């Protein structure tokens, strides 16, 4: 196998495909995809993004979706390294942004350890796209001094987020992969001091044709998820800055991306 020094421009690109809408790809992402000879594609990346790949580019699906069977991370890293050292122009296409819960840190470390260059092409993360879907600011200067991006998914052996501390921070909370942990999120934030009537925006399958938007209150989070049958991928936006979402979508109402409002049974 050739060494790094024998392969000019041996760079692996970690590319953010954005939350769903292929029009949200950056111009740089499109250029990198066009130049790729091998694309390792995550399950959450919209297949329409692959239209930018060259006709001779090989595509390998390395599905990564919470709660489902996934390609082992170690296998993905070995594949990226081996193919790049063979001279392939490797692109790792990830849903959202590679640096936001995309395991980019592990992949960057593995690639650098093998003597390969790494370039990250950012993508629009689902939390930002969800706020844009209803026209709310995550950092409205009168309602939130900042935003916290949090995973609700518990890694084996790791403790849950400090929901009590997050309840006191005054930030807009953007929670990814939180559906399965909704009971602990709801109870932890309320017990930590966040009022039960705190506005919540739930967006499933952000910026895709299957997108659904639901407004609710923190005290009705679990009820709303159950009544509306919302599942992954679903991002939760919690905080005062979501008040406009409650005005746009009456609490307990759901809005498909293209359809009219329909009342839901759950009330805060």
C-alpha atoms as a PDB file:
ATOM      1  CA  UNK A   1       0.000   0.000   0.000  1.00  0.00           C
ATOM      2  CA  UNK A   2       1.447   3.432  -0.891  1.00  0.00           C
ATOM      3  CA  UNK A   3       2.277   5.866   1.856  1.00  0.00           C
ATOM      4  CA  UNK A   4       0.874   9.342   2.347  1.00  0.00           C
ATOM      5  CA  UNK A   5       4.025  10.918   0.925  1.00  0.00           C
ATOM      6  CA  UNK A   6       3.527   9.017  -2.346  1.00  0.00           C
ATOM      7  CA  UNK A   7      -0.045  10.285  -2.842  1.00  0.00           C
ATOM      8  CA  UNK A   8      -0.300  13.970  -3.811  1.00  0.00           C
ATOM      9  CA  UNK A   9      -3.279  15.815  -2.342  1.00  0.00           C
ATOM     10  CA  UNK A  10      -4.375  12.829  -0.233  1.00  0.00           C
ATOM     11  CA  UNK A  11      -7.241  14.609   1.493  1.00  0.00           C
ATOM     12  CA  UNK A  12     -10.441  13.137   2.877  1.00  0.00           C
ATOM     13  CA  UNK A  13     -13.409  15.485   2.978  1.00  0.00           C
ATOM     14  CA  UNK A  14     -16.077  15.331   5.675  1.00  0.00           C
ATOM     15  CA  UNK A  15     -19.049  17.032   4.036  1.00  0.00           C
ATOM     16  CA  UNK A  16     -22.256  18.233   5.657  1.00  0.00           C
ATOM     17  CA  UNK A  17     -25.293  17.377   3.526  1.00  0.00           C
ATOM     18  CA  UNK A  18     -27.531  19.645   5.599  1.00  0.00           C
ATOM     19  CA  UNK A  19     -30.806  18.615   7.219  1.00  0.00           C
ATOM     20  CA  UNK A  20     -32.662  17.362   4.152  1.00  0.00           C
ATOM     21  CA  UNK A  21     -33.266  19.899   1.409  1.00  0.00           C
ATOM     22  CA  UNK A  22     -30.487  19.397  -1.182  1.00  0.00           C
ATOM     23  CA  UNK A  23     -30.702  23.103  -2.052  1.00  0.00           C
ATOM     24  CA  UNK A  24     -29.137  23.799   1.347  1.00  0.00           C
ATOM     25  CA  UNK A  25     -25.842  22.275   0.242  1.00  0.00           C
ATOM     26  CA  UNK A  26     -23.040  24.819   0.079  1.00  0.00           C
ATOM     27  CA  UNK A  27     -21.295  25.592  -3.191  1.00  0.00           C
ATOM     28  CA  UNK A  28     -18.117  24.104  -1.756  1.00  0.00           C
ATOM     29  CA  UNK A  29     -19.930  20.885  -0.844  1.00  0.00           C
ATOM     30  CA  UNK A  30     -21.173  20.589  -4.437  1.00  0.00           C
ATOM     31  CA  UNK A  31     -17.657  21.113  -5.815  1.00  0.00           C
ATOM     32  CA  UNK A  32     -16.158  18.494  -3.499  1.00  0.00           C
ATOM     33  CA  UNK A  33     -18.884  15.987  -4.376  1.00  0.00           C
ATOM     34  CA  UNK A  34     -18.242  16.547  -8.080  1.00  0.00           C
ATOM     35  CA  UNK A  35     -14.571  15.705  -7.615  1.00  0.00           C
ATOM     36  CA  UNK A  36     -15.048  12.601  -5.437  1.00  0.00           C
ATOM     37  CA  UNK A  37     -14.231   9.093  -6.630  1.00  0.00           C
ATOM     38  CA  UNK A  38     -15.662   7.400  -3.521  1.00  0.00           C
ATOM     39  CA  UNK A  39     -18.550   8.610  -1.349  1.00  0.00           C
ATOM     40  CA  UNK A  40     -19.354   7.056   2.031  1.00  0.00           C
ATOM     41  CA  UNK A  41     -22.923   8.185   2.651  1.00  0.00           C
ATOM     42  CA  UNK A  42     -24.849   8.368   5.917  1.00  0.00           C
ATOM     43  CA  UNK A  43     -28.462   7.280   6.138  1.00  0.00           C
ATOM     44  CA  UNK A  44     -29.706  10.784   6.984  1.00  0.00           C
ATOM     45  CA  UNK A  45     -28.125  12.412   3.929  1.00  0.00           C
ATOM     46  CA  UNK A  46     -30.763  13.112   1.285  1.00  0.00           C
ATOM     47  CA  UNK A  47     -30.141  10.790  -1.708  1.00  0.00           C
ATOM     48  CA  UNK A  48     -30.815  13.750  -4.004  1.00  0.00           C
ATOM     49  CA  UNK A  49     -27.455  15.165  -2.909  1.00  0.00           C
ATOM     50  CA  UNK A  50     -25.795  12.284  -4.746  1.00  0.00           C
ATOM     51  CA  UNK A  51     -26.822  13.849  -8.064  1.00  0.00           C
ATOM     52  CA  UNK A  52     -23.713  16.016  -7.740  1.00  0.00           C
ATOM     53  CA  UNK A  53     -21.385  13.003  -7.790  1.00  0.00           C
ATOM     54  CA  UNK A  54     -19.572  12.109 -10.996  1.00  0.00           C
ATOM     55  CA  UNK A  55     -20.823   9.185 -13.057  1.00  0.00           C
ATOM     56  CA  UNK A  56     -17.794   7.085 -12.097  1.00  0.00           C
ATOM     57  CA  UNK A  57     -17.945   7.798  -8.370  1.00  0.00           C
ATOM     58  CA  UNK A  58     -18.521   4.729  -6.209  1.00  0.00           C
ATOM     59  CA  UNK A  59     -21.146   5.101  -3.475  1.00  0.00           C
ATOM     60  CA  UNK A  60     -21.097   3.043  -0.285  1.00  0.00           C
ATOM     61  CA  UNK A  61     -23.942   3.387   2.195  1.00  0.00           C
ATOM     62  CA  UNK A  62     -22.711   3.468   5.771  1.00  0.00           C
ATOM     63  CA  UNK A  63     -26.060   4.053   7.466  1.00  0.00           C
ATOM     64  CA  UNK A  64     -25.937   5.748  10.847  1.00  0.00           C
ATOM     65  CA  UNK A  65     -29.338   6.291  12.434  1.00  0.00           C
ATOM     66  CA  UNK A  66     -30.096   6.293  16.144  1.00  0.00           C
ATOM     67  CA  UNK A  67     -31.913   3.214  17.396  1.00  0.00           C
ATOM     68  CA  UNK A  68     -31.275   1.223  14.204  1.00  0.00           C
ATOM     69  CA  UNK A  69     -28.618  -1.147  12.987  1.00  0.00           C
ATOM     70  CA  UNK A  70     -25.633   0.936  11.913  1.00  0.00           C
ATOM     71  CA  UNK A  71     -22.313   0.387  10.215  1.00  0.00           C
ATOM     72  CA  UNK A  72     -19.656   0.120  12.962  1.00  0.00           C
ATOM     73  CA  UNK A  73     -17.723   3.348  13.327  1.00  0.00           C
ATOM     74  CA  UNK A  74     -14.370   1.565  13.383  1.00  0.00           C
ATOM     75  CA  UNK A  75     -15.161  -0.058  10.025  1.00  0.00           C
ATOM     76  CA  UNK A  76     -15.996   3.328   8.473  1.00  0.00           C
ATOM     77  CA  UNK A  77     -12.729   4.788   9.702  1.00  0.00           C
ATOM     78  CA  UNK A  78     -10.681   1.866   8.371  1.00  0.00           C
ATOM     79  CA  UNK A  79     -12.445   2.107   5.014  1.00  0.00           C
ATOM     80  CA  UNK A  80     -11.784   5.835   4.696  1.00  0.00           C
ATOM     81  CA  UNK A  81      -8.117   5.348   5.509  1.00  0.00           C
ATOM     82  CA  UNK A  82      -7.523   2.373   3.211  1.00  0.00           C
ATOM     83  CA  UNK A  83      -9.328   3.903   0.232  1.00  0.00           C
ATOM     84  CA  UNK A  84      -7.622   7.280   0.605  1.00  0.00           C
ATOM     85  CA  UNK A  85      -4.221   5.576   0.771  1.00  0.00           C
ATOM     86  CA  UNK A  86      -5.123   3.748  -2.439  1.00  0.00           C
ATOM     87  CA  UNK A  87      -5.520   7.128  -4.120  1.00  0.00           C
ATOM     88  CA  UNK A  88      -9.302   7.526  -3.998  1.00  0.00           C
ATOM     89  CA  UNK A  89     -10.724  11.010  -3.470  1.00  0.00           C
ATOM     90  CA  UNK A  90     -12.871  10.103  -0.487  1.00  0.00           C
ATOM     91  CA  UNK A  91     -15.905  12.070   0.655  1.00  0.00           C
ATOM     92  CA  UNK A  92     -17.733  11.228   3.862  1.00  0.00           C
ATOM     93  CA  UNK A  93     -21.231  12.666   3.362  1.00  0.00           C
ATOM     94  CA  UNK A  94     -23.086  13.252   6.611  1.00  0.00           C
ATOM     95  CA  UNK A  95     -26.551  14.546   7.412  1.00  0.00           C
ATOM     96  CA  UNK A  96     -26.559  18.008   8.961  1.00  0.00           C
ATOM     97  CA  UNK A  97     -23.127  19.294   9.967  1.00  0.00           C
ATOM     98  CA  UNK A  98     -20.224  16.867  10.494  1.00  0.00           C
ATOM     99  CA  UNK A  99     -19.115  18.688  13.648  1.00  0.00           C
ATOM    100  CA  UNK A 100     -22.532  18.572  15.362  1.00  0.00           C
ATOM    101  CA  UNK A 101     -23.098  15.053  16.732  1.00  0.00           C
ATOM    102  CA  UNK A 102     -21.604  13.605  13.554  1.00  0.00           C
ATOM    103  CA  UNK A 103     -18.666  11.731  15.153  1.00  0.00           C
ATOM    104  CA  UNK A 104     -16.326  13.881  13.099  1.00  0.00           C
ATOM    105  CA  UNK A 105     -13.854  14.097  15.956  1.00  0.00           C
ATOM    106  CA  UNK A 106     -13.231  10.359  15.896  1.00  0.00           C
ATOM    107  CA  UNK A 107     -12.874  10.304  12.123  1.00  0.00           C
ATOM    108  CA  UNK A 108     -10.522  13.287  12.039  1.00  0.00           C
ATOM    109  CA  UNK A 109      -8.310  11.614  14.639  1.00  0.00           C
ATOM    110  CA  UNK A 110      -8.222   8.308  12.723  1.00  0.00           C
ATOM    111  CA  UNK A 111      -7.410   9.996   9.413  1.00  0.00           C
ATOM    112  CA  UNK A 112      -4.664  12.173  10.862  1.00  0.00           C
ATOM    113  CA  UNK A 113      -3.167   9.181  12.653  1.00  0.00           C
ATOM    114  CA  UNK A 114      -2.865   7.515   9.235  1.00  0.00           C
ATOM    115  CA  UNK A 115      -1.038  10.551   7.858  1.00  0.00           C
ATOM    116  CA  UNK A 116      -3.966  11.821   5.811  1.00  0.00           C
ATOM    117  CA  UNK A 117      -5.176  15.386   5.442  1.00  0.00           C
ATOM    118  CA  UNK A 118      -8.741  16.159   6.477  1.00  0.00           C
ATOM    119  CA  UNK A 119     -10.972  19.005   5.368  1.00  0.00           C
ATOM    120  CA  UNK A 120     -14.399  19.615   6.858  1.00  0.00           C
ATOM    121  CA  UNK A 121     -17.074  21.217   4.695  1.00  0.00           C
ATOM    122  CA  UNK A 122     -19.748  22.504   7.095  1.00  0.00           C
ATOM    123  CA  UNK A 123     -23.442  21.886   6.566  1.00  0.00           C
ATOM    124  CA  UNK A 124     -26.584  23.438   8.023  1.00  0.00           C
ATOM    125  CA  UNK A 125     -27.462  21.603  11.206  1.00  0.00           C
ATOM    126  CA  UNK A 126     -31.034  20.463  11.872  1.00  0.00           C
ATOM    127  CA  UNK A 127     -31.563  22.765  14.851  1.00  0.00           C
ATOM    128  CA  UNK A 128     -30.879  25.881  12.798  1.00  0.00           C
ATOM    129  CA  UNK A 129     -33.017  24.620   9.908  1.00  0.00           C
ATOM    130  CA  UNK A 130     -35.885  23.837  12.304  1.00  0.00           C
ATOM    131  CA  UNK A 131     -35.855  27.402  13.638  1.00  0.00           C
ATOM    132  CA  UNK A 132     -35.746  28.755  10.098  1.00  0.00           C
ATOM    133  CA  UNK A 133     -38.763  26.625   9.158  1.00  0.00           C
ATOM    134  CA  UNK A 134     -41.038  28.741  11.355  1.00  0.00           C
ATOM    135  CA  UNK A 135     -39.020  31.957  11.326  1.00  0.00           C
ATOM    136  CA  UNK A 136     -37.789  32.070  14.917  1.00  0.00           C
ATOM    137  CA  UNK A 137     -34.416  33.249  16.166  1.00  0.00           C
ATOM    138  CA  UNK A 138     -32.573  30.870  18.458  1.00  0.00           C
ATOM    139  CA  UNK A 139     -30.765  33.833  20.024  1.00  0.00           C
ATOM    140  CA  UNK A 140     -33.376  36.594  20.072  1.00  0.00           C
ATOM    141  CA  UNK A 141     -31.646  39.275  22.109  1.00  0.00           C
ATOM    142  CA  UNK A 142     -34.706  39.880  24.312  1.00  0.00           C
ATOM    143  CA  UNK A 143     -35.314  36.192  25.025  1.00  0.00           C
ATOM    144  CA  UNK A 144     -32.099  34.156  24.962  1.00  0.00           C
ATOM    145  CA  UNK A 145     -28.423  35.144  25.346  1.00  0.00           C
ATOM    146  CA  UNK A 146     -27.308  32.024  23.511  1.00  0.00           C
ATOM    147  CA  UNK A 147     -28.125  28.525  22.389  1.00  0.00           C
ATOM    148  CA  UNK A 148     -27.066  25.094  23.643  1.00  0.00           C
ATOM    149  CA  UNK A 149     -26.895  22.118  21.277  1.00  0.00           C
ATOM    150  CA  UNK A 150     -27.486  18.935  23.259  1.00  0.00           C
ATOM    151  CA  UNK A 151     -27.806  15.256  22.482  1.00  0.00           C
ATOM    152  CA  UNK A 152     -30.567  13.411  24.284  1.00  0.00           C
ATOM    153  CA  UNK A 153     -29.015  10.079  23.331  1.00  0.00           C
ATOM    154  CA  UNK A 154     -27.175   8.368  26.143  1.00  0.00           C
ATOM    155  CA  UNK A 155     -23.916   6.723  25.212  1.00  0.00           C
ATOM    156  CA  UNK A 156     -23.289   3.456  27.012  1.00  0.00           C
ATOM    157  CA  UNK A 157     -21.498   4.170  30.266  1.00  0.00           C
ATOM    158  CA  UNK A 158     -22.100   7.937  30.112  1.00  0.00           C
ATOM    159  CA  UNK A 159     -24.413   9.869  32.387  1.00  0.00           C
ATOM    160  CA  UNK A 160     -27.395  11.852  31.123  1.00  0.00           C
ATOM    161  CA  UNK A 161     -27.063  15.610  30.534  1.00  0.00           C
ATOM    162  CA  UNK A 162     -27.512  17.803  33.603  1.00  0.00           C
ATOM    163  CA  UNK A 163     -31.066  18.830  32.785  1.00  0.00           C
ATOM    164  CA  UNK A 164     -31.328  20.704  36.098  1.00  0.00           C
ATOM    165  CA  UNK A 165     -28.337  22.872  35.176  1.00  0.00           C
ATOM    166  CA  UNK A 166     -29.606  23.408  31.637  1.00  0.00           C
ATOM    167  CA  UNK A 167     -32.957  24.522  33.043  1.00  0.00           C
ATOM    168  CA  UNK A 168     -31.174  27.397  34.798  1.00  0.00           C
ATOM    169  CA  UNK A 169     -28.924  28.549  31.954  1.00  0.00           C
ATOM    170  CA  UNK A 170     -31.438  30.799  30.177  1.00  0.00           C
ATOM    171  CA  UNK A 171     -30.340  29.522  26.770  1.00  0.00           C
ATOM    172  CA  UNK A 172     -32.488  28.150  23.976  1.00  0.00           C
ATOM    173  CA  UNK A 173     -32.091  24.377  24.206  1.00  0.00           C
ATOM    174  CA  UNK A 174     -31.803  22.491  20.928  1.00  0.00           C
ATOM    175  CA  UNK A 175     -32.027  18.777  21.640  1.00  0.00           C
ATOM    176  CA  UNK A 176     -31.101  16.164  19.062  1.00  0.00           C
ATOM    177  CA  UNK A 177     -31.920  12.442  19.321  1.00  0.00           C
ATOM    178  CA  UNK A 178     -34.148  13.066  22.310  1.00  0.00           C
ATOM    179  CA  UNK A 179     -37.396  11.247  21.515  1.00  0.00           C
ATOM    180  CA  UNK A 180     -36.530   8.093  23.456  1.00  0.00           C
ATOM    181  CA  UNK A 181     -35.404  10.178  26.450  1.00  0.00           C
ATOM    182  CA  UNK A 182     -38.361  12.580  26.390  1.00  0.00           C
ATOM    183  CA  UNK A 183     -39.674  11.570  29.854  1.00  0.00           C
ATOM    184  CA  UNK A 184     -36.338  12.349  31.518  1.00  0.00           C
ATOM    185  CA  UNK A 185     -35.968  15.564  29.488  1.00  0.00           C
ATOM    186  CA  UNK A 186     -39.426  16.819  30.477  1.00  0.00           C
ATOM    187  CA  UNK A 187     -39.158  15.889  34.137  1.00  0.00           C
ATOM    188  CA  UNK A 188     -35.511  16.926  34.473  1.00  0.00           C
ATOM    189  CA  UNK A 189     -36.035  20.408  33.047  1.00  0.00           C
ATOM    190  CA  UNK A 190     -39.174  21.035  35.085  1.00  0.00           C
ATOM    191  CA  UNK A 191     -37.597  19.763  38.291  1.00  0.00           C
ATOM    192  CA  UNK A 192     -34.632  21.990  37.497  1.00  0.00           C
ATOM    193  CA  UNK A 193     -36.896  25.040  37.481  1.00  0.00           C
ATOM    194  CA  UNK A 194     -37.945  25.540  33.870  1.00  0.00           C
ATOM    195  CA  UNK A 195     -41.685  26.396  33.904  1.00  0.00           C
ATOM    196  CA  UNK A 196     -44.038  23.742  32.488  1.00  0.00           C
ATOM    197  CA  UNK A 197     -45.510  26.361  30.121  1.00  0.00           C
ATOM    198  CA  UNK A 198     -42.117  26.962  28.442  1.00  0.00           C
ATOM    199  CA  UNK A 199     -42.639  26.995  24.651  1.00  0.00           C
ATOM    200  CA  UNK A 200     -41.429  23.977  22.682  1.00  0.00           C
ATOM    201  CA  UNK A 201     -41.119  23.484  18.938  1.00  0.00           C
ATOM    202  CA  UNK A 202     -40.817  19.934  17.617  1.00  0.00           C
ATOM    203  CA  UNK A 203     -39.718  19.415  14.017  1.00  0.00           C
ATOM    204  CA  UNK A 204     -39.540  15.954  12.504  1.00  0.00           C
ATOM    205  CA  UNK A 205     -37.546  15.248   9.322  1.00  0.00           C
ATOM    206  CA  UNK A 206     -36.417  18.877   9.053  1.00  0.00           C
ATOM    207  CA  UNK A 207     -36.504  20.449   5.562  1.00  0.00           C
ATOM    208  CA  UNK A 208     -37.513  17.208   3.855  1.00  0.00           C
ATOM    209  CA  UNK A 209     -40.763  16.380   2.067  1.00  0.00           C
ATOM    210  CA  UNK A 210     -41.829  14.534   5.248  1.00  0.00           C
ATOM    211  CA  UNK A 211     -41.233  17.494   7.564  1.00  0.00           C
ATOM    212  CA  UNK A 212     -43.795  18.040  10.351  1.00  0.00           C
ATOM    213  CA  UNK A 213     -43.846  20.927  12.814  1.00  0.00           C
ATOM    214  CA  UNK A 214     -45.631  20.760  16.141  1.00  0.00           C
ATOM    215  CA  UNK A 215     -45.784  23.370  18.891  1.00  0.00           C
ATOM    216  CA  UNK A 216     -46.391  22.479  22.514  1.00  0.00           C
ATOM    217  CA  UNK A 217     -45.366  23.332  26.080  1.00  0.00           C
ATOM    218  CA  UNK A 218     -42.673  21.631  28.118  1.00  0.00           C
ATOM    219  CA  UNK A 219     -45.218  20.091  30.471  1.00  0.00           C
ATOM    220  CA  UNK A 220     -46.928  18.397  27.511  1.00  0.00           C
ATOM    221  CA  UNK A 221     -43.766  17.251  25.712  1.00  0.00           C
ATOM    222  CA  UNK A 222     -44.250  13.497  26.157  1.00  0.00           C
ATOM    223  CA  UNK A 223     -47.989  13.697  25.566  1.00  0.00           C
ATOM    224  CA  UNK A 224     -47.484  15.616  22.331  1.00  0.00           C
ATOM    225  CA  UNK A 225     -44.841  13.234  21.011  1.00  0.00           C
ATOM    226  CA  UNK A 226     -47.165  10.311  21.682  1.00  0.00           C
ATOM    227  CA  UNK A 227     -50.351  11.915  20.369  1.00  0.00           C
ATOM    228  CA  UNK A 228     -48.686  13.205  17.213  1.00  0.00           C
ATOM    229  CA  UNK A 229     -46.698   9.983  16.753  1.00  0.00           C
ATOM    230  CA  UNK A 230     -43.502  11.916  16.210  1.00  0.00           C
ATOM    231  CA  UNK A 231     -40.345   9.868  15.891  1.00  0.00           C
ATOM    232  CA  UNK A 232     -36.725  10.182  14.892  1.00  0.00           C
ATOM    233  CA  UNK A 233     -35.248  12.201  13.394  1.00  0.00           C
ATOM    234  CA  UNK A 234     -36.921  14.901  15.459  1.00  0.00           C
ATOM    235  CA  UNK A 235     -35.300  17.992  16.924  1.00  0.00           C
ATOM    236  CA  UNK A 236     -36.670  19.747  20.024  1.00  0.00           C
ATOM    237  CA  UNK A 237     -36.315  23.513  20.453  1.00  0.00           C
ATOM    238  CA  UNK A 238     -37.108  24.634  23.994  1.00  0.00           C
ATOM    239  CA  UNK A 239     -37.144  28.124  25.474  1.00  0.00           C
ATOM    240  CA  UNK A 240     -38.673  31.592  25.479  1.00  0.00           C
ATOM    241  CA  UNK A 241     -37.377  32.263  21.974  1.00  0.00           C
ATOM    242  CA  UNK A 242     -39.896  29.677  20.709  1.00  0.00           C
ATOM    243  CA  UNK A 243     -42.836  31.858  21.763  1.00  0.00           C
ATOM    244  CA  UNK A 244     -43.334  32.938  18.161  1.00  0.00           C
ATOM    245  CA  UNK A 245     -43.730  29.289  17.194  1.00  0.00           C
ATOM    246  CA  UNK A 246     -46.655  29.038  19.620  1.00  0.00           C
ATOM    247  CA  UNK A 247     -48.226  32.045  17.922  1.00  0.00           C
ATOM    248  CA  UNK A 248     -47.626  30.595  14.464  1.00  0.00           C
ATOM    249  CA  UNK A 249     -48.663  27.068  15.424  1.00  0.00           C
ATOM    250  CA  UNK A 250     -51.247  27.099  18.194  1.00  0.00           C
ATOM    251  CA  UNK A 251     -50.141  24.806  21.052  1.00  0.00           C
ATOM    252  CA  UNK A 252     -51.037  21.234  20.283  1.00  0.00           C
ATOM    253  CA  UNK A 253     -51.343  21.800  16.550  1.00  0.00           C
ATOM    254  CA  UNK A 254     -49.321  20.113  13.872  1.00  0.00           C
ATOM    255  CA  UNK A 255     -48.291  21.426  10.485  1.00  0.00           C
ATOM    256  CA  UNK A 256     -46.953  19.240   7.689  1.00  0.00           C
ATOM    257  CA  UNK A 257     -44.520  21.193   5.561  1.00  0.00           C
ATOM    258  CA  UNK A 258     -46.997  21.599   2.687  1.00  0.00           C
ATOM    259  CA  UNK A 259     -50.380  21.145   4.390  1.00  0.00           C
ATOM    260  CA  UNK A 260     -52.809  23.155   6.502  1.00  0.00           C
ATOM    261  CA  UNK A 261     -52.982  23.051  10.285  1.00  0.00           C
ATOM    262  CA  UNK A 262     -54.755  20.155  11.916  1.00  0.00           C
ATOM    263  CA  UNK A 263     -55.660  20.168  15.634  1.00  0.00           C
ATOM    264  CA  UNK A 264     -54.071  17.613  17.915  1.00  0.00           C
ATOM    265  CA  UNK A 265     -55.625  16.088  21.023  1.00  0.00           C
ATOM    266  CA  UNK A 266     -52.824  16.898  23.445  1.00  0.00           C
ATOM    267  CA  UNK A 267     -53.082  20.078  25.476  1.00  0.00           C
ATOM    268  CA  UNK A 268     -50.495  21.712  27.667  1.00  0.00           C
END
